[in-house]
PDB file of N, CA and C in Angstrom:
ATOM      1  N   MET A   1       0.804  -1.293  -0.111  1.00  0.00           N
ATOM      2  CA  MET A   1       0.076   0.038  -0.159  1.00  0.00           C
ATOM      3  C   MET A   1       0.859   1.375  -0.007  1.00  0.00           C
ATOM      4  N   SER A   2       0.534   2.273  -0.796  1.00  0.00           N
ATOM      5  CA  SER A   2       1.429   3.400  -0.966  1.00  0.00           C
ATOM      6  C   SER A   2       1.224   4.094   0.441  1.00  0.00           C
ATOM      7  N   VAL A   3       2.311   4.960   0.806  1.00  0.00           N
ATOM      8  CA  VAL A   3       2.458   5.862   1.966  1.00  0.00           C
ATOM      9  C   VAL A   3       1.290   6.831   1.944  1.00  0.00           C
ATOM     10  N   LEU A   4       0.972   7.467   0.624  1.00  0.00           N
ATOM     11  CA  LEU A   4       0.043   8.537   0.461  1.00  0.00           C
ATOM     12  C   LEU A   4      -1.405   7.864   0.960  1.00  0.00           C
ATOM     13  N   VAL A   5      -1.558   6.662   0.591  1.00  0.00           N
ATOM     14  CA  VAL A   5      -2.898   5.970   0.958  1.00  0.00           C
ATOM     15  C   VAL A   5      -2.838   5.852   2.368  1.00  0.00           C
ATOM     16  N   LEU A   6      -1.688   5.536   2.879  1.00  0.00           N
ATOM     17  CA  LEU A   6      -1.850   5.376   4.634  1.00  0.00           C
ATOM     18  C   LEU A   6      -1.953   6.614   5.168  1.00  0.00           C
ATOM     19  N   LEU A   7      -1.193   7.391   4.692  1.00  0.00           N
ATOM     20  CA  LEU A   7      -1.385   8.946   5.181  1.00  0.00           C
ATOM     21  C   LEU A   7      -2.875   9.375   5.109  1.00  0.00           C
ATOM     22  N   ALA A   8      -3.454   9.145   4.114  1.00  0.00           N
ATOM     23  CA  ALA A   8      -4.950   9.637   3.740  1.00  0.00           C
ATOM     24  C   ALA A   8      -5.963   8.811   4.976  1.00  0.00           C
ATOM     25  N   VAL A   9      -5.703   7.497   4.939  1.00  0.00           N
ATOM     26  CA  VAL A   9      -6.681   6.868   5.800  1.00  0.00           C
ATOM     27  C   VAL A   9      -6.488   7.175   7.134  1.00  0.00           C
ATOM     28  N   ALA A  10      -5.281   7.372   7.542  1.00  0.00           N
ATOM     29  CA  ALA A  10      -4.994   7.789   8.977  1.00  0.00           C
ATOM     30  C   ALA A  10      -5.438   9.036   9.304  1.00  0.00           C
ATOM     31  N   SER A  11      -5.396   9.975   8.470  1.00  0.00           N
ATOM     32  CA  SER A  11      -5.834  11.313   8.767  1.00  0.00           C
ATOM     33  C   SER A  11      -7.526  11.445   8.699  1.00  0.00           C
ATOM     34  N   VAL A  12      -8.025  10.745   7.720  1.00  0.00           N
ATOM     35  CA  VAL A  12      -9.572  10.671   7.702  1.00  0.00           C
ATOM     36  C   VAL A  12     -10.036  10.011   9.217  1.00  0.00           C
ATOM     37  N   GLY A  13      -9.417   8.757   9.295  1.00  0.00           N
ATOM     38  CA  GLY A  13      -9.658   7.933  10.478  1.00  0.00           C
ATOM     39  C   GLY A  13      -9.543   8.838  11.839  1.00  0.00           C
ATOM     40  N   ASN A  14      -8.347   9.448  12.063  1.00  0.00           N
ATOM     41  CA  ASN A  14      -8.377  10.215  13.175  1.00  0.00           C
ATOM     42  C   ASN A  14      -9.356  11.289  13.230  1.00  0.00           C
ATOM     43  N   THR A  15      -9.515  12.091  12.026  1.00  0.00           N
ATOM     44  CA  THR A  15     -10.518  13.123  12.181  1.00  0.00           C
ATOM     45  C   THR A  15     -11.887  12.596  12.522  1.00  0.00           C
ATOM     46  N   LEU A  16     -12.205  11.361  12.028  1.00  0.00           N
ATOM     47  CA  LEU A  16     -13.568  10.808  12.366  1.00  0.00           C
ATOM     48  C   LEU A  16     -13.595  10.669  13.931  1.00  0.00           C
ATOM     49  N   GLY A  17     -12.631  10.142  14.481  1.00  0.00           N
ATOM     50  CA  GLY A  17     -12.578   9.947  15.809  1.00  0.00           C
ATOM     51  C   GLY A  17     -12.832  11.190  16.522  1.00  0.00           C
ATOM     52  N   SER A  18     -12.257  12.261  16.021  1.00  0.00           N
ATOM     53  CA  SER A  18     -12.428  13.683  16.715  1.00  0.00           C
ATOM     54  C   SER A  18     -13.909  14.156  16.644  1.00  0.00           C
ATOM     55  N   ILE A  19     -14.539  13.733  15.442  1.00  0.00           N
ATOM     56  CA  ILE A  19     -15.962  14.093  15.308  1.00  0.00           C
ATOM     57  C   ILE A  19     -16.695  13.338  16.452  1.00  0.00           C
ATOM     58  N   VAL A  20     -16.439  12.127  16.627  1.00  0.00           N
ATOM     59  CA  VAL A  20     -17.154  11.413  17.630  1.00  0.00           C
ATOM     60  C   VAL A  20     -16.949  12.165  18.837  1.00  0.00           C
ATOM     61  N   ASN A  21     -15.949  12.643  19.281  1.00  0.00           N
ATOM     62  CA  ASN A  21     -15.641  13.341  20.557  1.00  0.00           C
ATOM     63  C   ASN A  21     -16.583  14.614  20.481  1.00  0.00           C
ATOM     64  N   TRP A  22     -16.517  15.359  19.513  1.00  0.00           N
ATOM     65  CA  TRP A  22     -17.284  16.641  19.190  1.00  0.00           C
ATOM     66  C   TRP A  22     -18.814  16.362  19.580  1.00  0.00           C
ATOM     67  N   PHE A  23     -19.374  15.135  18.949  1.00  0.00           N
ATOM     68  CA  PHE A  23     -20.763  14.614  19.359  1.00  0.00           C
ATOM     69  C   PHE A  23     -20.925  14.362  20.773  1.00  0.00           C
ATOM     70  N   LEU A  24     -20.000  13.774  21.246  1.00  0.00           N
ATOM     71  CA  LEU A  24     -20.176  13.348  22.673  1.00  0.00           C
ATOM     72  C   LEU A  24     -20.238  14.632  23.595  1.00  0.00           C
ATOM     73  N   GLY A  25     -19.253  15.541  23.241  1.00  0.00           N
ATOM     74  CA  GLY A  25     -19.344  16.864  23.989  1.00  0.00           C
ATOM     75  C   GLY A  25     -20.536  17.609  23.809  1.00  0.00           C
ATOM     76  N   ARG A  26     -21.167  17.650  22.681  1.00  0.00           N
ATOM     77  CA  ARG A  26     -22.620  18.330  22.459  1.00  0.00           C
ATOM     78  C   ARG A  26     -23.607  17.542  23.254  1.00  0.00           C
ATOM     79  N   SER A  27     -23.412  16.291  23.420  1.00  0.00           N
ATOM     80  CA  SER A  27     -24.457  15.366  23.952  1.00  0.00           C
ATOM     81  C   SER A  27     -24.356  15.461  25.780  1.00  0.00           C
ATOM     82  N   ILE A  28     -23.111  15.367  25.986  1.00  0.00           N
ATOM     83  CA  ILE A  28     -22.730  14.894  27.377  1.00  0.00           C
ATOM     84  C   ILE A  28     -23.172  16.219  28.222  1.00  0.00           C
ATOM     85  N   GLU A  29     -23.372  17.480  27.742  1.00  0.00           N
ATOM     86  CA  GLU A  29     -23.845  18.414  28.547  1.00  0.00           C
ATOM     87  C   GLU A  29     -25.005  18.391  29.332  1.00  0.00           C
ATOM     88  N   LYS A  30     -25.874  17.740  28.813  1.00  0.00           N
ATOM     89  CA  LYS A  30     -27.241  17.534  29.670  1.00  0.00           C
ATOM     90  C   LYS A  30     -26.927  16.781  30.793  1.00  0.00           C
ATOM     91  N   PHE A  31     -25.930  15.934  30.985  1.00  0.00           N
ATOM     92  CA  PHE A  31     -25.552  15.236  32.151  1.00  0.00           C
ATOM     93  C   PHE A  31     -24.708  16.040  33.230  1.00  0.00           C
ATOM     94  N   ARG A  32     -24.358  17.176  32.958  1.00  0.00           N
ATOM     95  CA  ARG A  32     -23.460  18.018  33.708  1.00  0.00           C
ATOM     96  C   ARG A  32     -24.266  18.076  35.212  1.00  0.00           C
ATOM     97  N   GLY A  33     -23.258  18.134  36.112  1.00  0.00           N
ATOM     98  CA  GLY A  33     -23.788  18.335  37.363  1.00  0.00           C
ATOM     99  C   GLY A  33     -24.331  17.017  38.019  1.00  0.00           C
ATOM    100  N   ARG A  34     -24.403  15.791  37.424  1.00  0.00           N
ATOM    101  CA  ARG A  34     -24.766  14.586  37.927  1.00  0.00           C
ATOM    102  C   ARG A  34     -23.612  14.082  38.537  1.00  0.00           C
ATOM    103  N   ARG A  35     -23.676  13.091  39.771  1.00  0.00           N
ATOM    104  CA  ARG A  35     -22.729  12.673  40.435  1.00  0.00           C
ATOM    105  C   ARG A  35     -21.554  11.979  39.649  1.00  0.00           C
ATOM    106  N   TRP A  36     -21.976  11.213  38.833  1.00  0.00           N
ATOM    107  CA  TRP A  36     -21.177  10.311  37.857  1.00  0.00           C
ATOM    108  C   TRP A  36     -20.394  10.893  36.652  1.00  0.00           C
ATOM    109  N   PHE A  37     -20.905  12.149  36.652  1.00  0.00           N
ATOM    110  CA  PHE A  37     -20.199  12.887  35.357  1.00  0.00           C
ATOM    111  C   PHE A  37     -18.768  12.915  35.287  1.00  0.00           C
ATOM    112  N   PRO A  38     -18.225  12.477  34.359  1.00  0.00           N
ATOM    113  CA  PRO A  38     -16.616  12.171  34.265  1.00  0.00           C
ATOM    114  C   PRO A  38     -15.778  13.398  34.540  1.00  0.00           C
ATOM    115  N   VAL A  39     -16.446  14.697  34.473  1.00  0.00           N
ATOM    116  CA  VAL A  39     -15.436  15.838  34.735  1.00  0.00           C
ATOM    117  C   VAL A  39     -16.292  16.655  35.782  1.00  0.00           C
ATOM    118  N   GLY A  40     -15.294  17.133  36.639  1.00  0.00           N
ATOM    119  CA  GLY A  40     -15.882  18.112  37.750  1.00  0.00           C
ATOM    120  C   GLY A  40     -16.307  19.445  37.060  1.00  0.00           C
ATOM    121  N   GLU A  41     -17.096  20.186  37.901  1.00  0.00           N
ATOM    122  CA  GLU A  41     -17.693  21.461  37.244  1.00  0.00           C
ATOM    123  C   GLU A  41     -16.658  22.353  37.148  1.00  0.00           C
ATOM    124  N   GLU A  42     -15.628  22.220  38.104  1.00  0.00           N
ATOM    125  CA  GLU A  42     -14.572  23.397  38.053  1.00  0.00           C
ATOM    126  C   GLU A  42     -13.698  23.049  36.825  1.00  0.00           C
ATOM    127  N   ALA A  43     -13.299  21.953  36.571  1.00  0.00           N
ATOM    128  CA  ALA A  43     -12.513  21.534  35.444  1.00  0.00           C
ATOM    129  C   ALA A  43     -13.163  21.938  34.016  1.00  0.00           C
ATOM    130  N   LEU A  44     -14.490  21.479  33.945  1.00  0.00           N
ATOM    131  CA  LEU A  44     -15.073  21.942  32.778  1.00  0.00           C
ATOM    132  C   LEU A  44     -15.203  23.370  32.542  1.00  0.00           C
ATOM    133  N   GLU A  45     -15.267  24.145  33.537  1.00  0.00           N
ATOM    134  CA  GLU A  45     -15.488  25.473  33.399  1.00  0.00           C
ATOM    135  C   GLU A  45     -14.128  26.168  33.133  1.00  0.00           C
ATOM    136  N   ARG A  46     -13.006  25.626  33.831  1.00  0.00           N
ATOM    137  CA  ARG A  46     -11.918  26.117  33.424  1.00  0.00           C
ATOM    138  C   ARG A  46     -11.286  25.745  31.967  1.00  0.00           C
ATOM    139  N   SER A  47     -11.726  24.562  31.325  1.00  0.00           N
ATOM    140  CA  SER A  47     -11.400  24.214  30.112  1.00  0.00           C
ATOM    141  C   SER A  47     -12.451  25.281  29.192  1.00  0.00           C
ATOM    142  N   SER A  48     -13.561  25.447  29.375  1.00  0.00           N
ATOM    143  CA  SER A  48     -14.322  26.462  28.666  1.00  0.00           C
ATOM    144  C   SER A  48     -13.746  27.724  28.588  1.00  0.00           C
ATOM    145  N   ARG A  49     -13.450  28.245  29.700  1.00  0.00           N
ATOM    146  CA  ARG A  49     -12.889  29.651  29.805  1.00  0.00           C
ATOM    147  C   ARG A  49     -11.330  29.596  28.880  1.00  0.00           C
ATOM    148  N   TRP A  50     -10.630  28.638  28.951  1.00  0.00           N
ATOM    149  CA  TRP A  50      -9.462  28.546  28.027  1.00  0.00           C
ATOM    150  C   TRP A  50      -9.930  28.382  26.489  1.00  0.00           C
ATOM    151  N   TYR A  51     -10.889  27.749  26.251  1.00  0.00           N
ATOM    152  CA  TYR A  51     -11.196  27.455  24.777  1.00  0.00           C
ATOM    153  C   TYR A  51     -12.010  28.825  24.520  1.00  0.00           C
ATOM    154  N   ARG A  52     -12.665  29.488  25.136  1.00  0.00           N
ATOM    155  CA  ARG A  52     -13.179  30.835  24.904  1.00  0.00           C
ATOM    156  C   ARG A  52     -12.366  31.834  24.569  1.00  0.00           C
ATOM    157  N   LYS A  53     -11.198  31.808  25.372  1.00  0.00           N
ATOM    158  CA  LYS A  53     -10.095  32.718  25.373  1.00  0.00           C
ATOM    159  C   LYS A  53      -9.422  32.683  24.171  1.00  0.00           C
ATOM    160  N   TYR A  54      -8.942  31.368  23.832  1.00  0.00           N
ATOM    161  CA  TYR A  54      -8.039  31.121  22.598  1.00  0.00           C
ATOM    162  C   TYR A  54      -8.796  30.803  21.252  1.00  0.00           C
ATOM    163  N   GLY A  55     -10.074  30.452  21.493  1.00  0.00           N
ATOM    164  CA  GLY A  55     -10.877  30.149  20.309  1.00  0.00           C
ATOM    165  C   GLY A  55     -10.645  28.906  19.428  1.00  0.00           C
ATOM    166  N   LYS A  56     -11.289  28.776  18.490  1.00  0.00           N
ATOM    167  CA  LYS A  56     -11.258  27.540  17.703  1.00  0.00           C
ATOM    168  C   LYS A  56     -10.068  27.449  17.051  1.00  0.00           C
ATOM    169  N   TRP A  57      -9.126  28.204  17.099  1.00  0.00           N
ATOM    170  CA  TRP A  57      -7.608  28.020  16.495  1.00  0.00           C
ATOM    171  C   TRP A  57      -7.034  26.965  17.335  1.00  0.00           C
ATOM    172  N   THR A  58      -7.487  26.950  18.841  1.00  0.00           N
ATOM    173  CA  THR A  58      -6.697  25.787  19.553  1.00  0.00           C
ATOM    174  C   THR A  58      -6.894  24.567  18.898  1.00  0.00           C
ATOM    175  N   LEU A  59      -8.123  24.266  18.049  1.00  0.00           N
ATOM    176  CA  LEU A  59      -8.194  22.918  17.489  1.00  0.00           C
ATOM    177  C   LEU A  59      -6.920  22.442  16.585  1.00  0.00           C
ATOM    178  N   LEU A  60      -6.201  23.530  16.185  1.00  0.00           N
ATOM    179  CA  LEU A  60      -4.764  23.122  15.664  1.00  0.00           C
ATOM    180  C   LEU A  60      -3.827  22.187  16.436  1.00  0.00           C
ATOM    181  N   LEU A  61      -4.107  22.191  17.889  1.00  0.00           N
ATOM    182  CA  LEU A  61      -3.370  21.581  18.648  1.00  0.00           C
ATOM    183  C   LEU A  61      -4.063  20.016  18.946  1.00  0.00           C
ATOM    184  N   SER A  62      -5.125  19.718  18.133  1.00  0.00           N
ATOM    185  CA  SER A  62      -5.872  18.579  18.343  1.00  0.00           C
ATOM    186  C   SER A  62      -4.805  17.451  18.072  1.00  0.00           C
ATOM    187  N   TRP A  63      -3.763  17.574  17.503  1.00  0.00           N
ATOM    188  CA  TRP A  63      -2.913  16.514  17.179  1.00  0.00           C
ATOM    189  C   TRP A  63      -2.218  15.790  18.427  1.00  0.00           C
ATOM    190  N   MET A  64      -2.256  16.642  19.601  1.00  0.00           N
ATOM    191  CA  MET A  64      -1.563  16.232  20.647  1.00  0.00           C
ATOM    192  C   MET A  64      -2.057  15.112  21.330  1.00  0.00           C
ATOM    193  N   PRO A  65      -1.453  14.154  21.653  1.00  0.00           N
ATOM    194  CA  PRO A  65      -1.993  13.068  22.605  1.00  0.00           C
ATOM    195  C   PRO A  65      -2.680  13.701  23.856  1.00  0.00           C
ATOM    196  N   LEU A  66      -3.706  12.920  24.240  1.00  0.00           N
ATOM    197  CA  LEU A  66      -4.588  13.308  25.495  1.00  0.00           C
ATOM    198  C   LEU A  66      -5.109  14.634  25.408  1.00  0.00           C
ATOM    199  N   PHE A  67      -4.458  15.748  25.338  1.00  0.00           N
ATOM    200  CA  PHE A  67      -4.648  16.933  25.219  1.00  0.00           C
ATOM    201  C   PHE A  67      -5.790  17.393  24.157  1.00  0.00           C
ATOM    202  N   GLY A  68      -5.175  16.730  22.994  1.00  0.00           N
ATOM    203  CA  GLY A  68      -5.979  16.908  21.706  1.00  0.00           C
ATOM    204  C   GLY A  68      -7.508  16.394  21.879  1.00  0.00           C
ATOM    205  N   ASP A  69      -7.601  15.299  22.488  1.00  0.00           N
ATOM    206  CA  ASP A  69      -8.993  14.706  22.731  1.00  0.00           C
ATOM    207  C   ASP A  69      -9.807  15.676  23.430  1.00  0.00           C
ATOM    208  N   ALA A  70      -9.116  16.147  24.521  1.00  0.00           N
ATOM    209  CA  ALA A  70     -10.155  16.927  25.437  1.00  0.00           C
ATOM    210  C   ALA A  70     -10.522  18.328  24.790  1.00  0.00           C
ATOM    211  N   LEU A  71      -9.731  18.818  23.955  1.00  0.00           N
ATOM    212  CA  LEU A  71      -9.976  19.961  23.221  1.00  0.00           C
ATOM    213  C   LEU A  71     -11.133  19.600  22.432  1.00  0.00           C
ATOM    214  N   THR A  72     -11.220  18.599  21.619  1.00  0.00           N
ATOM    215  CA  THR A  72     -12.423  18.273  20.576  1.00  0.00           C
ATOM    216  C   THR A  72     -13.522  17.815  21.550  1.00  0.00           C
ATOM    217  N   VAL A  73     -13.702  17.506  22.614  1.00  0.00           N
ATOM    218  CA  VAL A  73     -14.757  17.318  23.505  1.00  0.00           C
ATOM    219  C   VAL A  73     -15.270  18.661  23.767  1.00  0.00           C
ATOM    220  N   VAL A  74     -14.231  19.579  24.355  1.00  0.00           N
ATOM    221  CA  VAL A  74     -14.702  20.976  24.784  1.00  0.00           C
ATOM    222  C   VAL A  74     -15.384  21.678  23.535  1.00  0.00           C
ATOM    223  N   ALA A  75     -14.686  21.372  22.412  1.00  0.00           N
ATOM    224  CA  ALA A  75     -15.353  22.279  21.195  1.00  0.00           C
ATOM    225  C   ALA A  75     -16.819  21.838  20.882  1.00  0.00           C
ATOM    226  N   GLY A  76     -17.047  20.495  21.342  1.00  0.00           N
ATOM    227  CA  GLY A  76     -18.425  20.092  21.249  1.00  0.00           C
ATOM    228  C   GLY A  76     -19.369  20.702  22.361  1.00  0.00           C
ATOM    229  N   VAL A  77     -18.697  20.617  23.476  1.00  0.00           N
ATOM    230  CA  VAL A  77     -19.610  21.427  24.621  1.00  0.00           C
ATOM    231  C   VAL A  77     -19.903  22.840  24.333  1.00  0.00           C
ATOM    232  N   LEU A  78     -19.132  23.511  23.652  1.00  0.00           N
ATOM    233  CA  LEU A  78     -19.138  24.874  23.517  1.00  0.00           C
ATOM    234  C   LEU A  78     -19.783  25.133  22.133  1.00  0.00           C
ATOM    235  N   ARG A  79     -20.319  24.284  21.482  1.00  0.00           N
ATOM    236  CA  ARG A  79     -20.859  24.229  20.275  1.00  0.00           C
ATOM    237  C   ARG A  79     -20.214  25.029  19.132  1.00  0.00           C
ATOM    238  N   GLU A  80     -19.161  24.589  19.024  1.00  0.00           N
ATOM    239  CA  GLU A  80     -18.310  24.926  17.828  1.00  0.00           C
ATOM    240  C   GLU A  80     -18.932  24.215  16.529  1.00  0.00           C
ATOM    241  N   PRO A  81     -19.158  25.064  15.576  1.00  0.00           N
ATOM    242  CA  PRO A  81     -19.955  24.656  14.393  1.00  0.00           C
ATOM    243  C   PRO A  81     -19.023  23.586  13.793  1.00  0.00           C
ATOM    244  N   LEU A  82     -19.710  22.653  13.075  1.00  0.00           N
ATOM    245  CA  LEU A  82     -19.010  21.267  12.814  1.00  0.00           C
ATOM    246  C   LEU A  82     -18.063  21.673  11.641  1.00  0.00           C
ATOM    247  N   LEU A  83     -18.374  22.238  10.667  1.00  0.00           N
ATOM    248  CA  LEU A  83     -17.480  22.467   9.398  1.00  0.00           C
ATOM    249  C   LEU A  83     -16.177  23.010   9.903  1.00  0.00           C
ATOM    250  N   PRO A  84     -16.041  24.293  10.702  1.00  0.00           N
ATOM    251  CA  PRO A  84     -14.758  24.769  10.764  1.00  0.00           C
ATOM    252  C   PRO A  84     -14.046  23.802  11.645  1.00  0.00           C
ATOM    253  N   PHE A  85     -14.858  23.178  12.603  1.00  0.00           N
ATOM    254  CA  PHE A  85     -14.244  22.192  13.518  1.00  0.00           C
ATOM    255  C   PHE A  85     -13.473  20.810  12.846  1.00  0.00           C
ATOM    256  N   MET A  86     -14.106  20.500  11.799  1.00  0.00           N
ATOM    257  CA  MET A  86     -13.549  19.174  10.921  1.00  0.00           C
ATOM    258  C   MET A  86     -12.573  19.761  10.241  1.00  0.00           C
ATOM    259  N   THR A  87     -12.527  21.245   9.628  1.00  0.00           N
ATOM    260  CA  THR A  87     -11.549  21.664   8.903  1.00  0.00           C
ATOM    261  C   THR A  87     -10.206  21.772   9.760  1.00  0.00           C
ATOM    262  N   LEU A  88     -10.321  22.426  10.748  1.00  0.00           N
ATOM    263  CA  LEU A  88      -9.262  22.639  11.560  1.00  0.00           C
ATOM    264  C   LEU A  88      -8.579  21.413  12.172  1.00  0.00           C
ATOM    265  N   VAL A  89      -9.507  20.514  12.617  1.00  0.00           N
ATOM    266  CA  VAL A  89      -9.020  19.153  13.064  1.00  0.00           C
ATOM    267  C   VAL A  89      -8.282  18.363  12.051  1.00  0.00           C
ATOM    268  N   PHE A  90      -8.773  18.268  10.765  1.00  0.00           N
ATOM    269  CA  PHE A  90      -8.160  17.503   9.709  1.00  0.00           C
ATOM    270  C   PHE A  90      -6.820  18.175   9.412  1.00  0.00           C
ATOM    271  N   ILE A  91      -6.793  19.553   9.356  1.00  0.00           N
ATOM    272  CA  ILE A  91      -5.430  20.187   9.246  1.00  0.00           C
ATOM    273  C   ILE A  91      -4.401  19.626  10.158  1.00  0.00           C
ATOM    274  N   ALA A  92      -4.939  19.565  11.375  1.00  0.00           N
ATOM    275  CA  ALA A  92      -4.007  19.380  12.544  1.00  0.00           C
ATOM    276  C   ALA A  92      -3.530  17.789  12.436  1.00  0.00           C
ATOM    277  N   LYS A  93      -4.491  17.045  12.269  1.00  0.00           N
ATOM    278  CA  LYS A  93      -4.204  15.574  12.208  1.00  0.00           C
ATOM    279  C   LYS A  93      -3.422  15.162  11.108  1.00  0.00           C
ATOM    280  N   THR A  94      -3.483  15.719   9.799  1.00  0.00           N
ATOM    281  CA  THR A  94      -2.933  15.387   8.475  1.00  0.00           C
ATOM    282  C   THR A  94      -1.508  15.894   8.851  1.00  0.00           C
ATOM    283  N   GLY A  95      -1.341  17.291   9.440  1.00  0.00           N
ATOM    284  CA  GLY A  95      -0.002  17.782   9.582  1.00  0.00           C
ATOM    285  C   GLY A  95       0.998  17.043  10.536  1.00  0.00           C
ATOM    286  N   ARG A  96       0.256  16.524  11.394  1.00  0.00           N
ATOM    287  CA  ARG A  96       1.084  15.344  12.216  1.00  0.00           C
ATOM    288  C   ARG A  96       1.616  14.293  11.416  1.00  0.00           C
ATOM    289  N   TYR A  97       0.670  13.726  10.552  1.00  0.00           N
ATOM    290  CA  TYR A  97       1.298  12.595   9.789  1.00  0.00           C
ATOM    291  C   TYR A  97       2.257  13.001   8.806  1.00  0.00           C
ATOM    292  N   VAL A  98       2.193  14.155   8.234  1.00  0.00           N
ATOM    293  CA  VAL A  98       3.017  14.642   7.211  1.00  0.00           C
ATOM    294  C   VAL A  98       4.218  14.612   7.851  1.00  0.00           C
ATOM    295  N   VAL A  99       4.478  15.107   9.014  1.00  0.00           N
ATOM    296  CA  VAL A  99       5.565  15.470   9.797  1.00  0.00           C
ATOM    297  C   VAL A  99       6.277  13.893  10.233  1.00  0.00           C
ATOM    298  N   LEU A 100       5.234  13.049  10.461  1.00  0.00           N
ATOM    299  CA  LEU A 100       5.799  11.835  11.293  1.00  0.00           C
ATOM    300  C   LEU A 100       6.262  10.798   9.950  1.00  0.00           C
ATOM    301  N   THR A 101       5.463  10.811   8.975  1.00  0.00           N
ATOM    302  CA  THR A 101       5.874   9.878   7.848  1.00  0.00           C
ATOM    303  C   THR A 101       7.272   9.730   7.454  1.00  0.00           C
ATOM    304  N   PRO A 102       7.921  10.874   7.052  1.00  0.00           N
ATOM    305  CA  PRO A 102       9.327  10.940   6.841  1.00  0.00           C
ATOM    306  C   PRO A 102      10.131  10.325   7.924  1.00  0.00           C
ATOM    307  N   VAL A 103       9.770  10.945   9.014  1.00  0.00           N
ATOM    308  CA  VAL A 103      10.734  10.354  10.246  1.00  0.00           C
ATOM    309  C   VAL A 103      10.600   9.046  10.514  1.00  0.00           C
ATOM    310  N   THR A 104       9.444   8.368  10.509  1.00  0.00           N
ATOM    311  CA  THR A 104       9.084   7.047  10.495  1.00  0.00           C
ATOM    312  C   THR A 104       9.874   5.988   9.495  1.00  0.00           C
ATOM    313  N   LEU A 105       9.946   6.582   8.166  1.00  0.00           N
ATOM    314  CA  LEU A 105      10.481   5.916   7.060  1.00  0.00           C
ATOM    315  C   LEU A 105      11.919   5.902   7.264  1.00  0.00           C
ATOM    316  N   GLN A 106      12.206   6.965   7.748  1.00  0.00           N
ATOM    317  CA  GLN A 106      13.912   7.018   7.852  1.00  0.00           C
ATOM    318  C   GLN A 106      14.368   5.972   8.911  1.00  0.00           C
ATOM    319  N   PHE A 107      13.607   5.532   9.874  1.00  0.00           N
ATOM    320  CA  PHE A 107      13.949   4.683  10.885  1.00  0.00           C
ATOM    321  C   PHE A 107      13.561   3.285  10.581  1.00  0.00           C
ATOM    322  N   PHE A 108      12.361   3.133   9.942  1.00  0.00           N
ATOM    323  CA  PHE A 108      11.747   1.751   9.825  1.00  0.00           C
ATOM    324  C   PHE A 108      11.678   1.456   8.231  1.00  0.00           C
ATOM    325  N   GLY A 109      11.985   2.302   7.517  1.00  0.00           N
ATOM    326  CA  GLY A 109      11.553   2.174   5.966  1.00  0.00           C
ATOM    327  C   GLY A 109      12.528   1.287   5.411  1.00  0.00           C
TER     328      GLY A 109
END
């Protein structure tokens, strides 16, 4: 399989995973305040303030492990429109693979 096909599949698949996080963020808000809710009120508010301060451009950091997933959930909670969300996340995820592919090929290719 060609490297470009692998890069495309990885980018699309990773972006689709982030879209699932976005939908979870949009849906989970209704359960806020319940005892079993996975994020404390203070942590959710702090994340929301941070996202509001820096805006949708923070989604360009969605490629980062752990932190990136949290960003995509918060974007859903804060009702970031889906099209700009998908565009920025796709750019971030693809950028990561564009950088990692030649490095990986250098060591393992």
